[in-house]
C-alpha atoms as a PDB file:
ATOM      1  CA  MET A   1     108.951  84.108 124.072  1.00  0.00           C
ATOM      2  CA  THR A   2     108.308  86.293 121.041  1.00  0.00           C
ATOM      3  CA  SER A   3     106.859  89.090 123.170  1.00  0.00           C
ATOM      4  CA  ILE A   4     109.992  89.068 125.341  1.00  0.00           C
ATOM      5  CA  ILE A   5     112.087  89.557 122.213  1.00  0.00           C
ATOM      6  CA  HIS A   6     109.887  92.435 121.076  1.00  0.00           C
ATOM      7  CA  VAL A   7     110.056  94.117 124.478  1.00  0.00           C
ATOM      8  CA  GLY A   8     113.840  93.748 124.346  1.00  0.00           C
ATOM      9  CA  ALA A   9     113.890  95.253 120.857  1.00  0.00           C
ATOM     10  CA  ILE A  10     111.821  98.220 122.007  1.00  0.00           C
ATOM     11  CA  ALA A  11     114.142  98.751 124.976  1.00  0.00           C
ATOM     12  CA  ALA A  12     117.187  98.578 122.697  1.00  0.00           C
ATOM     13  CA  VAL A  13     115.717 101.155 120.314  1.00  0.00           C
ATOM     14  CA  MET A  14     114.833 103.480 123.171  1.00  0.00           C
ATOM     15  CA  ALA A  15     118.356 103.146 124.609  1.00  0.00           C
ATOM     16  CA  LEU A  16     119.851 103.882 121.206  1.00  0.00           C
ATOM     17  CA  LEU A  17     117.715 106.986 120.817  1.00  0.00           C
ATOM     18  CA  ALA A  18     118.690 108.155 124.297  1.00  0.00           C
ATOM     19  CA  ALA A  19     122.380 107.647 123.473  1.00  0.00           C
ATOM     20  CA  CYS A  20     122.013 109.615 120.248  1.00  0.00           C
ATOM     21  CA  ALA A  21     120.389 112.488 122.108  1.00  0.00           C
ATOM     22  CA  THR A  22     123.507 112.955 124.232  1.00  0.00           C
ATOM     23  CA  GLU A  23     125.914 113.245 121.293  1.00  0.00           C
ATOM     24  CA  PRO A  24     127.773 116.578 121.559  1.00  0.00           C
ATOM     25  CA  GLU A  25     127.608 117.265 117.814  1.00  0.00           C
ATOM     26  CA  LEU A  26     123.811 117.053 117.664  1.00  0.00           C
ATOM     27  CA  GLN A  27     122.630 119.443 114.986  1.00  0.00           C
ATOM     28  CA  THR A  28     120.655 122.444 116.067  1.00  0.00           C
ATOM     29  CA  ALA A  29     117.022 122.692 115.053  1.00  0.00           C
ATOM     30  CA  ASP A  30     117.681 125.616 112.725  1.00  0.00           C
ATOM     31  CA  LYS A  31     120.007 123.374 110.681  1.00  0.00           C
ATOM     32  CA  LEU A  32     117.387 120.610 110.621  1.00  0.00           C
ATOM     33  CA  ASP A  33     114.513 122.952 109.814  1.00  0.00           C
ATOM     34  CA  PRO A  34     115.294 126.198 108.009  1.00  0.00           C
ATOM     35  CA  GLU A  35     111.718 127.346 108.685  1.00  0.00           C
ATOM     36  CA  ILE A  36     112.494 128.037 112.352  1.00  0.00           C
ATOM     37  CA  PRO A  37     112.048 131.724 113.022  1.00  0.00           C
ATOM     38  CA  PRO A  38     115.438 133.437 113.325  1.00  0.00           C
ATOM     39  CA  GLU A  39     114.270 135.254 116.456  1.00  0.00           C
ATOM     40  CA  TRP A  40     113.903 132.014 118.441  1.00  0.00           C
ATOM     41  CA  THR A  41     116.101 131.799 121.503  1.00  0.00           C
ATOM     42  CA  ALA A  42     118.465 128.914 122.178  1.00  0.00           C
ATOM     43  CA  GLU A  43     115.955 127.662 124.756  1.00  0.00           C
ATOM     44  CA  GLN A  44     113.171 127.590 122.157  1.00  0.00           C
ATOM     45  CA  ILE A  45     115.376 125.698 119.695  1.00  0.00           C
ATOM     46  CA  THR A  46     116.385 123.225 122.411  1.00  0.00           C
ATOM     47  CA  ALA A  47     112.723 122.660 123.317  1.00  0.00           C
ATOM     48  CA  TYR A  48     111.932 122.125 119.628  1.00  0.00           C
ATOM     49  CA  GLU A  49     114.779 119.610 119.296  1.00  0.00           C
ATOM     50  CA  GLN A  50     113.552 117.750 122.380  1.00  0.00           C
ATOM     51  CA  CYS A  51     110.035 117.611 120.960  1.00  0.00           C
ATOM     52  CA  LEU A  52     111.400 116.169 117.709  1.00  0.00           C
ATOM     53  CA  GLU A  53     113.426 113.547 119.585  1.00  0.00           C
ATOM     54  CA  ASP A  54     110.452 112.554 121.749  1.00  0.00           C
ATOM     55  CA  SER A  55     108.213 112.276 118.715  1.00  0.00           C
ATOM     56  CA  MET A  56     110.760 110.176 116.846  1.00  0.00           C
ATOM     57  CA  ALA A  57     111.034 107.783 119.780  1.00  0.00           C
ATOM     58  CA  GLN A  58     107.258 107.423 119.836  1.00  0.00           C
ATOM     59  CA  ALA A  59     107.105 106.883 116.063  1.00  0.00           C
ATOM     60  CA  THR A  60     109.838 104.252 116.207  1.00  0.00           C
ATOM     61  CA  ALA A  61     108.139 102.464 119.102  1.00  0.00           C
ATOM     62  CA  TRP A  62     104.847 102.519 117.189  1.00  0.00           C
ATOM     63  CA  GLU A  63     106.493 100.927 114.138  1.00  0.00           C
ATOM     64  CA  ILE A  64     107.851  98.145 116.358  1.00  0.00           C
ATOM     65  CA  ILE A  65     104.412  97.619 117.905  1.00  0.00           C
ATOM     66  CA  GLN A  66     102.821  97.424 114.449  1.00  0.00           C
ATOM     67  CA  GLN A  67     105.332  94.789 113.363  1.00  0.00           C
ATOM     68  CA  GLN A  68     104.784  92.833 116.580  1.00  0.00           C
ATOM     69  CA  CYS A  69     101.034  92.757 115.930  1.00  0.00           C
ATOM     70  CA  LYS A  70     101.537  91.677 112.309  1.00  0.00           C
ATOM     71  CA  ASP A  71     103.866  88.907 113.454  1.00  0.00           C
ATOM     72  CA  SER A  72     101.357  87.809 116.103  1.00  0.00           C
ATOM     73  CA  VAL A  73      98.487  87.578 113.602  1.00  0.00           C
ATOM     74  CA  GLU A  74     100.616  85.692 111.086  1.00  0.00           C
ATOM     75  CA  ALA A  75     101.922  83.280 113.738  1.00  0.00           C
ATOM     76  CA  ASN A  76      98.464  82.587 115.202  1.00  0.00           C
ATOM     77  CA  PRO A  77      95.961  82.098 112.366  1.00  0.00           C
ATOM     78  CA  GLU A  78      93.540  80.475 114.822  1.00  0.00           C
ATOM     79  CA  ILE A  79      92.680  83.913 116.227  1.00  0.00           C
ATOM     80  CA  LEU A  80      90.880  84.597 112.938  1.00  0.00           C
ATOM     81  CA  GLN A  81      88.492  81.662 113.381  1.00  0.00           C
ATOM     82  CA  THR A  82      85.080  82.592 114.738  1.00  0.00           C
ATOM     83  CA  ASP A  83      83.514  79.215 115.630  1.00  0.00           C
END
């Protein structure tokens, strides 16, 4: 049951991130990162923004997975026994 809840939580986070990516007032990468070379084209900035979004989704999913594993270990202390 707990794993179903965690899978649902991961799906909800991914859906939220996808919804945020479609917002029309999404900041451009040059506003997020002033180190972007001024000669970059709009396509390069868009690719950079997409990379950031993809990486954030992966980082968020990883944090959820870490918490799920911590919860699993705490809920099942018998897995630590080595009889």
